[in-house]
Amino acid sequence: MNKKLIKVADAAEMLWVVLANVNGGDWSKQSKEWQKVAARWRDNYFEAMDEAGLMPTSEVIDEVIENEENNCKCGGIKLPESDFCKDCI
């Protein structure tokens, strides 16, 4: 994947993280219109990630859990040959 596409995928993922955690993940505190738009974005995001073959594998999910257990500052995915994710270096 080229660097520009990686930047777009990273930005889309970060937006999902922000949306998913609005009001501590309790979307019911937002307006119905906000919930509808956020859900549409979420569905489109995951559909696009799946179609692009970018959905996390079980190994990636396990790595995120391991990082959280090892007190990675953000729980991100570790960089190759590193004990930290890109956001904690």
PDB file of N, CA and C in Angstrom:
ATOM      1  N   MET A   1       0.853  -1.166   0.000  1.00  0.00           N
ATOM      2  CA  MET A   1       0.000   0.000   0.000  1.00  0.00           C
ATOM      3  C   MET A   1       0.904   1.236   0.000  1.00  0.00           C
ATOM      4  N   ASN A   2       0.569   2.224  -0.827  1.00  0.00           N
ATOM      5  CA  ASN A   2       1.434   3.402  -0.887  1.00  0.00           C
ATOM      6  C   ASN A   2       1.219   4.313   0.320  1.00  0.00           C
ATOM      7  N   LYS A   3       2.159   5.218   0.527  1.00  0.00           N
ATOM      8  CA  LYS A   3       2.159   6.067   1.726  1.00  0.00           C
ATOM      9  C   LYS A   3       0.929   6.963   1.811  1.00  0.00           C
ATOM     10  N   LYS A   4       0.449   7.471   0.682  1.00  0.00           N
ATOM     11  CA  LYS A   4      -0.732   8.325   0.692  1.00  0.00           C
ATOM     12  C   LYS A   4      -1.972   7.546   1.130  1.00  0.00           C
ATOM     13  N   LEU A   5      -2.099   6.342   0.640  1.00  0.00           N
ATOM     14  CA  LEU A   5      -3.235   5.511   1.016  1.00  0.00           C
ATOM     15  C   LEU A   5      -3.163   5.121   2.495  1.00  0.00           C
ATOM     16  N   ILE A   6      -1.959   4.884   2.981  1.00  0.00           N
ATOM     17  CA  ILE A   6      -1.782   4.580   4.406  1.00  0.00           C
ATOM     18  C   ILE A   6      -2.226   5.771   5.253  1.00  0.00           C
ATOM     19  N   LYS A   7      -1.882   6.983   4.824  1.00  0.00           N
ATOM     20  CA  LYS A   7      -2.307   8.181   5.560  1.00  0.00           C
ATOM     21  C   LYS A   7      -3.826   8.298   5.594  1.00  0.00           C
ATOM     22  N   VAL A   8      -4.471   8.015   4.461  1.00  0.00           N
ATOM     23  CA  VAL A   8      -5.931   8.086   4.405  1.00  0.00           C
ATOM     24  C   VAL A   8      -6.536   7.028   5.323  1.00  0.00           C
ATOM     25  N   ALA A   9      -6.005   5.814   5.275  1.00  0.00           N
ATOM     26  CA  ALA A   9      -6.521   4.740   6.138  1.00  0.00           C
ATOM     27  C   ALA A   9      -6.307   5.080   7.609  1.00  0.00           C
ATOM     28  N   ASP A  10      -5.162   5.647   7.951  1.00  0.00           N
ATOM     29  CA  ASP A  10      -4.896   6.042   9.337  1.00  0.00           C
ATOM     30  C   ASP A  10      -5.858   7.133   9.794  1.00  0.00           C
ATOM     31  N   ALA A  11      -6.116   8.103   8.912  1.00  0.00           N
ATOM     32  CA  ALA A  11      -7.044   9.185   9.258  1.00  0.00           C
ATOM     33  C   ALA A  11      -8.456   8.651   9.444  1.00  0.00           C
ATOM     34  N   ALA A  12      -8.868   7.746   8.569  1.00  0.00           N
ATOM     35  CA  ALA A  12     -10.199   7.153   8.687  1.00  0.00           C
ATOM     36  C   ALA A  12     -10.320   6.351   9.976  1.00  0.00           C
ATOM     37  N   GLU A  13      -9.265   5.627  10.327  1.00  0.00           N
ATOM     38  CA  GLU A  13      -9.285   4.857  11.572  1.00  0.00           C
ATOM     39  C   GLU A  13      -9.368   5.788  12.783  1.00  0.00           C
ATOM     40  N   MET A  14      -8.607   6.871  12.755  1.00  0.00           N
ATOM     41  CA  MET A  14      -8.635   7.808  13.877  1.00  0.00           C
ATOM     42  C   MET A  14     -10.015   8.442  14.013  1.00  0.00           C
ATOM     43  N   LEU A  15     -10.639   8.769  12.887  1.00  0.00           N
ATOM     44  CA  LEU A  15     -11.992   9.318  12.948  1.00  0.00           C
ATOM     45  C   LEU A  15     -12.942   8.301  13.570  1.00  0.00           C
ATOM     46  N   TRP A  16     -12.801   7.036  13.196  1.00  0.00           N
ATOM     47  CA  TRP A  16     -13.652   6.009  13.791  1.00  0.00           C
ATOM     48  C   TRP A  16     -13.430   5.939  15.304  1.00  0.00           C
ATOM     49  N   VAL A  17     -12.183   5.999  15.737  1.00  0.00           N
ATOM     50  CA  VAL A  17     -11.878   5.952  17.172  1.00  0.00           C
ATOM     51  C   VAL A  17     -12.557   7.116  17.891  1.00  0.00           C
ATOM     52  N   VAL A  18     -12.482   8.303  17.301  1.00  0.00           N
ATOM     53  CA  VAL A  18     -13.116   9.471  17.915  1.00  0.00           C
ATOM     54  C   VAL A  18     -14.628   9.286  17.964  1.00  0.00           C
ATOM     55  N   LEU A  19     -15.223   8.916  16.837  1.00  0.00           N
ATOM     56  CA  LEU A  19     -16.680   8.723  16.804  1.00  0.00           C
ATOM     57  C   LEU A  19     -17.132   7.654  17.788  1.00  0.00           C
ATOM     58  N   ALA A  20     -16.417   6.551  17.810  1.00  0.00           N
ATOM     59  CA  ALA A  20     -16.815   5.429  18.667  1.00  0.00           C
ATOM     60  C   ALA A  20     -16.801   5.797  20.138  1.00  0.00           C
ATOM     61  N   ASN A  21     -15.976   6.775  20.503  1.00  0.00           N
ATOM     62  CA  ASN A  21     -15.807   7.104  21.915  1.00  0.00           C
ATOM     63  C   ASN A  21     -16.483   8.407  22.353  1.00  0.00           C
ATOM     64  N   VAL A  22     -17.296   8.980  21.481  1.00  0.00           N
ATOM     65  CA  VAL A  22     -18.045  10.179  21.879  1.00  0.00           C
ATOM     66  C   VAL A  22     -18.916   9.834  23.080  1.00  0.00           C
ATOM     67  N   ASN A  23     -18.901  10.676  24.076  1.00  0.00           N
ATOM     68  CA  ASN A  23     -19.636  10.439  25.329  1.00  0.00           C
ATOM     69  C   ASN A  23     -19.283   9.091  25.943  1.00  0.00           C
ATOM     70  N   GLY A  24     -18.007   8.737  25.887  1.00  0.00           N
ATOM     71  CA  GLY A  24     -17.568   7.466  26.465  1.00  0.00           C
ATOM     72  C   GLY A  24     -18.159   6.260  25.756  1.00  0.00           C
ATOM     73  N   GLY A  25     -18.525   6.438  24.480  1.00  0.00           N
ATOM     74  CA  GLY A  25     -19.102   5.346  23.705  1.00  0.00           C
ATOM     75  C   GLY A  25     -20.613   5.263  23.806  1.00  0.00           C
ATOM     76  N   ASP A  26     -21.217   6.183  24.542  1.00  0.00           N
ATOM     77  CA  ASP A  26     -22.678   6.187  24.713  1.00  0.00           C
ATOM     78  C   ASP A  26     -23.297   7.167  23.726  1.00  0.00           C
ATOM     79  N   TRP A  27     -23.568   6.680  22.522  1.00  0.00           N
ATOM     80  CA  TRP A  27     -24.111   7.531  21.478  1.00  0.00           C
ATOM     81  C   TRP A  27     -25.517   8.013  21.793  1.00  0.00           C
ATOM     82  N   SER A  28     -26.199   7.377  22.716  1.00  0.00           N
ATOM     83  CA  SER A  28     -27.578   7.777  23.024  1.00  0.00           C
ATOM     84  C   SER A  28     -27.647   9.196  23.578  1.00  0.00           C
ATOM     85  N   LYS A  29     -26.524   9.731  24.014  1.00  0.00           N
ATOM     86  CA  LYS A  29     -26.494  11.101  24.527  1.00  0.00           C
ATOM     87  C   LYS A  29     -26.416  12.133  23.406  1.00  0.00           C
ATOM     88  N   GLN A  30     -26.244  11.672  22.170  1.00  0.00           N
ATOM     89  CA  GLN A  30     -26.196  12.551  21.003  1.00  0.00           C
ATOM     90  C   GLN A  30     -27.574  12.591  20.342  1.00  0.00           C
ATOM     91  N   SER A  31     -27.767  13.565  19.471  1.00  0.00           N
ATOM     92  CA  SER A  31     -29.050  13.685  18.772  1.00  0.00           C
ATOM     93  C   SER A  31     -29.255  12.469  17.863  1.00  0.00           C
ATOM     94  N   LYS A  32     -30.504  12.214  17.528  1.00  0.00           N
ATOM     95  CA  LYS A  32     -30.823  11.099  16.621  1.00  0.00           C
ATOM     96  C   LYS A  32     -30.147  11.307  15.270  1.00  0.00           C
ATOM     97  N   GLU A  33     -30.106  12.559  14.814  1.00  0.00           N
ATOM     98  CA  GLU A  33     -29.454  12.857  13.542  1.00  0.00           C
ATOM     99  C   GLU A  33     -27.967  12.522  13.615  1.00  0.00           C
ATOM    100  N   TRP A  34     -27.305  12.909  14.710  1.00  0.00           N
ATOM    101  CA  TRP A  34     -25.883  12.603  14.888  1.00  0.00           C
ATOM    102  C   TRP A  34     -25.669  11.104  14.882  1.00  0.00           C
ATOM    103  N   GLN A  35     -26.507  10.373  15.614  1.00  0.00           N
ATOM    104  CA  GLN A  35     -26.384   8.916  15.686  1.00  0.00           C
ATOM    105  C   GLN A  35     -26.521   8.287  14.302  1.00  0.00           C
ATOM    106  N   LYS A  36     -27.477   8.786  13.523  1.00  0.00           N
ATOM    107  CA  LYS A  36     -27.706   8.245  12.176  1.00  0.00           C
ATOM    108  C   LYS A  36     -26.494   8.471  11.278  1.00  0.00           C
ATOM    109  N   VAL A  37     -25.956   9.685  11.303  1.00  0.00           N
ATOM    110  CA  VAL A  37     -24.793  10.011  10.471  1.00  0.00           C
ATOM    111  C   VAL A  37     -23.568   9.214  10.932  1.00  0.00           C
ATOM    112  N   ALA A  38     -23.357   9.132  12.238  1.00  0.00           N
ATOM    113  CA  ALA A  38     -22.209   8.380  12.761  1.00  0.00           C
ATOM    114  C   ALA A  38     -22.318   6.900  12.403  1.00  0.00           C
ATOM    115  N   ALA A  39     -23.506   6.333  12.507  1.00  0.00           N
ATOM    116  CA  ALA A  39     -23.704   4.920  12.165  1.00  0.00           C
ATOM    117  C   ALA A  39     -23.482   4.689  10.676  1.00  0.00           C
ATOM    118  N   ARG A  40     -23.931   5.643   9.838  1.00  0.00           N
ATOM    119  CA  ARG A  40     -23.712   5.505   8.399  1.00  0.00           C
ATOM    120  C   ARG A  40     -22.215   5.558   8.093  1.00  0.00           C
ATOM    121  N   TRP A  41     -21.488   6.485   8.745  1.00  0.00           N
ATOM    122  CA  TRP A  41     -20.046   6.572   8.526  1.00  0.00           C
ATOM    123  C   TRP A  41     -19.370   5.277   8.976  1.00  0.00           C
ATOM    124  N   ARG A  42     -19.751   4.779  10.158  1.00  0.00           N
ATOM    125  CA  ARG A  42     -19.181   3.532  10.688  1.00  0.00           C
ATOM    126  C   ARG A  42     -19.385   2.388   9.699  1.00  0.00           C
ATOM    127  N   ASP A  43     -20.602   2.228   9.225  1.00  0.00           N
ATOM    128  CA  ASP A  43     -20.903   1.128   8.305  1.00  0.00           C
ATOM    129  C   ASP A  43     -20.115   1.252   7.016  1.00  0.00           C
ATOM    130  N   ASN A  44     -20.043   2.467   6.465  1.00  0.00           N
ATOM    131  CA  ASN A  44     -19.266   2.681   5.233  1.00  0.00           C
ATOM    132  C   ASN A  44     -17.781   2.434   5.469  1.00  0.00           C
ATOM    133  N   TYR A  45     -17.282   2.876   6.617  1.00  0.00           N
ATOM    134  CA  TYR A  45     -15.869   2.676   6.955  1.00  0.00           C
ATOM    135  C   TYR A  45     -15.525   1.192   7.004  1.00  0.00           C
ATOM    136  N   PHE A  46     -16.315   0.422   7.751  1.00  0.00           N
ATOM    137  CA  PHE A  46     -16.002  -1.001   7.876  1.00  0.00           C
ATOM    138  C   PHE A  46     -16.210  -1.750   6.565  1.00  0.00           C
ATOM    139  N   GLU A  47     -17.183  -1.340   5.773  1.00  0.00           N
ATOM    140  CA  GLU A  47     -17.389  -1.951   4.462  1.00  0.00           C
ATOM    141  C   GLU A  47     -16.183  -1.686   3.559  1.00  0.00           C
ATOM    142  N   ALA A  48     -15.714  -0.436   3.540  1.00  0.00           N
ATOM    143  CA  ALA A  48     -14.549  -0.083   2.716  1.00  0.00           C
ATOM    144  C   ALA A  48     -13.296  -0.819   3.187  1.00  0.00           C
ATOM    145  N   MET A  49     -13.112  -0.899   4.496  1.00  0.00           N
ATOM    146  CA  MET A  49     -11.943  -1.615   5.028  1.00  0.00           C
ATOM    147  C   MET A  49     -11.985  -3.088   4.653  1.00  0.00           C
ATOM    148  N   ASP A  50     -13.171  -3.676   4.730  1.00  0.00           N
ATOM    149  CA  ASP A  50     -13.327  -5.089   4.372  1.00  0.00           C
ATOM    150  C   ASP A  50     -13.051  -5.300   2.884  1.00  0.00           C
ATOM    151  N   GLU A  51     -13.631  -4.442   2.049  1.00  0.00           N
ATOM    152  CA  GLU A  51     -13.431  -4.574   0.598  1.00  0.00           C
ATOM    153  C   GLU A  51     -11.966  -4.386   0.208  1.00  0.00           C
ATOM    154  N   ALA A  52     -11.251  -3.543   0.953  1.00  0.00           N
ATOM    155  CA  ALA A  52      -9.838  -3.294   0.661  1.00  0.00           C
ATOM    156  C   ALA A  52      -8.925  -4.342   1.291  1.00  0.00           C
ATOM    157  N   GLY A  53      -9.514  -5.283   2.016  1.00  0.00           N
ATOM    158  CA  GLY A  53      -8.712  -6.310   2.681  1.00  0.00           C
ATOM    159  C   GLY A  53      -7.941  -5.771   3.862  1.00  0.00           C
ATOM    160  N   LEU A  54      -8.463  -4.715   4.493  1.00  0.00           N
ATOM    161  CA  LEU A  54      -7.740  -4.062   5.581  1.00  0.00           C
ATOM    162  C   LEU A  54      -8.355  -4.293   6.954  1.00  0.00           C
ATOM    163  N   MET A  55      -9.313  -5.183   7.043  1.00  0.00           N
ATOM    164  CA  MET A  55      -9.894  -5.480   8.349  1.00  0.00           C
ATOM    165  C   MET A  55      -8.829  -6.165   9.198  1.00  0.00           C
ATOM    166  N   PRO A  56      -8.785  -5.838  10.484  1.00  0.00           N
ATOM    167  CA  PRO A  56      -7.757  -6.444  11.333  1.00  0.00           C
ATOM    168  C   PRO A  56      -7.928  -7.956  11.433  1.00  0.00           C
ATOM    169  N   THR A  57      -6.810  -8.635  11.390  1.00  0.00           N
ATOM    170  CA  THR A  57      -6.816 -10.082  11.571  1.00  0.00           C
ATOM    171  C   THR A  57      -6.817 -10.388  13.064  1.00  0.00           C
ATOM    172  N   SER A  58      -7.053 -11.620  13.408  1.00  0.00           N
ATOM    173  CA  SER A  58      -7.040 -11.999  14.823  1.00  0.00           C
ATOM    174  C   SER A  58      -5.659 -11.749  15.431  1.00  0.00           C
ATOM    175  N   GLU A  59      -4.589 -11.865  14.620  1.00  0.00           N
ATOM    176  CA  GLU A  59      -3.246 -11.612  15.123  1.00  0.00           C
ATOM    177  C   GLU A  59      -3.088 -10.141  15.506  1.00  0.00           C
ATOM    178  N   VAL A  60      -3.635  -9.237  14.693  1.00  0.00           N
ATOM    179  CA  VAL A  60      -3.560  -7.811  14.984  1.00  0.00           C
ATOM    180  C   VAL A  60      -4.350  -7.496  16.248  1.00  0.00           C
ATOM    181  N   ILE A  61      -5.522  -8.063  16.364  1.00  0.00           N
ATOM    182  CA  ILE A  61      -6.344  -7.839  17.552  1.00  0.00           C
ATOM    183  C   ILE A  61      -5.612  -8.337  18.793  1.00  0.00           C
ATOM    184  N   ASP A  62      -5.002  -9.512  18.704  1.00  0.00           N
ATOM    185  CA  ASP A  62      -4.227 -10.043  19.831  1.00  0.00           C
ATOM    186  C   ASP A  62      -3.077  -9.112  20.190  1.00  0.00           C
ATOM    187  N   GLU A  63      -2.443  -8.520  19.171  1.00  0.00           N
ATOM    188  CA  GLU A  63      -1.320  -7.617  19.405  1.00  0.00           C
ATOM    189  C   GLU A  63      -1.777  -6.345  20.120  1.00  0.00           C
ATOM    190  N   VAL A  64      -2.936  -5.824  19.746  1.00  0.00           N
ATOM    191  CA  VAL A  64      -3.469  -4.641  20.415  1.00  0.00           C
ATOM    192  C   VAL A  64      -3.752  -4.963  21.880  1.00  0.00           C
ATOM    193  N   ILE A  65      -4.341  -6.118  22.143  1.00  0.00           N
ATOM    194  CA  ILE A  65      -4.620  -6.523  23.521  1.00  0.00           C
ATOM    195  C   ILE A  65      -3.317  -6.669  24.299  1.00  0.00           C
ATOM    196  N   GLU A  66      -2.315  -7.274  23.668  1.00  0.00           N
ATOM    197  CA  GLU A  66      -1.009  -7.437  24.326  1.00  0.00           C
ATOM    198  C   GLU A  66      -0.398  -6.079  24.643  1.00  0.00           C
ATOM    199  N   ASN A  67      -0.486  -5.130  23.705  1.00  0.00           N
ATOM    200  CA  ASN A  67       0.046  -3.787  23.962  1.00  0.00           C
ATOM    201  C   ASN A  67      -0.652  -3.150  25.153  1.00  0.00           C
ATOM    202  N   GLU A  68      -1.957  -3.307  25.236  1.00  0.00           N
ATOM    203  CA  GLU A  68      -2.688  -2.743  26.362  1.00  0.00           C
ATOM    204  C   GLU A  68      -2.217  -3.382  27.671  1.00  0.00           C
ATOM    205  N   GLU A  69      -1.989  -4.678  27.644  1.00  0.00           N
ATOM    206  CA  GLU A  69      -1.521  -5.378  28.838  1.00  0.00           C
ATOM    207  C   GLU A  69      -0.109  -4.953  29.212  1.00  0.00           C
ATOM    208  N   ASN A  70       0.695  -4.558  28.210  1.00  0.00           N
ATOM    209  CA  ASN A  70       2.071  -4.118  28.449  1.00  0.00           C
ATOM    210  C   ASN A  70       2.166  -2.609  28.657  1.00  0.00           C
ATOM    211  N   ASN A  71       1.029  -1.981  28.893  1.00  0.00           N
ATOM    212  CA  ASN A  71       0.956  -0.546  29.178  1.00  0.00           C
ATOM    213  C   ASN A  71       1.426   0.349  28.037  1.00  0.00           C
ATOM    214  N   CYS A  72       1.176  -0.093  26.809  1.00  0.00           N
ATOM    215  CA  CYS A  72       1.397   0.807  25.671  1.00  0.00           C
ATOM    216  C   CYS A  72       0.519   2.020  25.939  1.00  0.00           C
ATOM    217  N   LYS A  73       1.052   3.204  25.720  1.00  0.00           N
ATOM    218  CA  LYS A  73       0.332   4.424  26.081  1.00  0.00           C
ATOM    219  C   LYS A  73      -1.007   4.556  25.370  1.00  0.00           C
ATOM    220  N   CYS A  74      -1.123   4.033  24.158  1.00  0.00           N
ATOM    221  CA  CYS A  74      -2.371   4.222  23.422  1.00  0.00           C
ATOM    222  C   CYS A  74      -3.033   2.909  23.014  1.00  0.00           C
ATOM    223  N   GLY A  75      -2.409   1.776  23.251  1.00  0.00           N
ATOM    224  CA  GLY A  75      -3.011   0.503  22.860  1.00  0.00           C
ATOM    225  C   GLY A  75      -2.963   0.241  21.371  1.00  0.00           C
ATOM    226  N   GLY A  76      -2.072   0.936  20.683  1.00  0.00           N
ATOM    227  CA  GLY A  76      -1.984   0.790  19.234  1.00  0.00           C
ATOM    228  C   GLY A  76      -1.268  -0.479  18.820  1.00  0.00           C
ATOM    229  N   ILE A  77      -1.057  -0.621  17.530  1.00  0.00           N
ATOM    230  CA  ILE A  77      -0.397  -1.797  16.975  1.00  0.00           C
ATOM    231  C   ILE A  77       1.108  -1.549  16.964  1.00  0.00           C
ATOM    232  N   LYS A  78       1.876  -2.474  17.544  1.00  0.00           N
ATOM    233  CA  LYS A  78       3.331  -2.309  17.626  1.00  0.00           C
ATOM    234  C   LYS A  78       3.952  -2.261  16.236  1.00  0.00           C
ATOM    235  N   LEU A  79       4.986  -1.453  16.128  1.00  0.00           N
ATOM    236  CA  LEU A  79       5.770  -1.418  14.911  1.00  0.00           C
ATOM    237  C   LEU A  79       6.656  -2.655  14.850  1.00  0.00           C
ATOM    238  N   PRO A  80       6.996  -3.109  13.636  1.00  0.00           N
ATOM    239  CA  PRO A  80       7.900  -4.253  13.529  1.00  0.00           C
ATOM    240  C   PRO A  80       9.201  -3.983  14.284  1.00  0.00           C
ATOM    241  N   GLU A  81       9.695  -4.981  14.975  1.00  0.00           N
ATOM    242  CA  GLU A  81      10.951  -4.908  15.723  1.00  0.00           C
ATOM    243  C   GLU A  81      10.946  -3.776  16.757  1.00  0.00           C
ATOM    244  N   SER A  82       9.807  -3.556  17.385  1.00  0.00           N
ATOM    245  CA  SER A  82       9.681  -2.504  18.387  1.00  0.00           C
ATOM    246  C   SER A  82       8.773  -2.984  19.499  1.00  0.00           C
ATOM    247  N   ASP A  83       8.940  -2.419  20.671  1.00  0.00           N
ATOM    248  CA  ASP A  83       8.052  -2.729  21.781  1.00  0.00           C
ATOM    249  C   ASP A  83       6.893  -1.748  21.859  1.00  0.00           C
ATOM    250  N   PHE A  84       6.851  -0.767  20.945  1.00  0.00           N
ATOM    251  CA  PHE A  84       5.841   0.274  21.000  1.00  0.00           C
ATOM    252  C   PHE A  84       5.158   0.458  19.658  1.00  0.00           C
ATOM    253  N   CYS A  85       3.984   1.039  19.702  1.00  0.00           N
ATOM    254  CA  CYS A  85       3.282   1.386  18.468  1.00  0.00           C
ATOM    255  C   CYS A  85       3.826   2.723  17.968  1.00  0.00           C
ATOM    256  N   LYS A  86       3.420   3.105  16.770  1.00  0.00           N
ATOM    257  CA  LYS A  86       3.923   4.341  16.163  1.00  0.00           C
ATOM    258  C   LYS A  86       3.578   5.578  16.979  1.00  0.00           C
ATOM    259  N   ASP A  87       2.475   5.538  17.729  1.00  0.00           N
ATOM    260  CA  ASP A  87       2.051   6.707  18.483  1.00  0.00           C
ATOM    261  C   ASP A  87       2.776   6.854  19.809  1.00  0.00           C
ATOM    262  N   CYS A  88       3.472   5.824  20.251  1.00  0.00           N
ATOM    263  CA  CYS A  88       4.134   5.868  21.563  1.00  0.00           C
ATOM    264  C   CYS A  88       5.642   6.025  21.463  1.00  0.00           C
ATOM    265  N   ILE A  89       6.145   6.121  20.276  1.00  0.00           N
ATOM    266  CA  ILE A  89       7.608   6.266  20.104  1.00  0.00           C
ATOM    267  C   ILE A  89       7.993   7.703  20.318  1.00  0.00           C
TER     268      ILE A  89
END
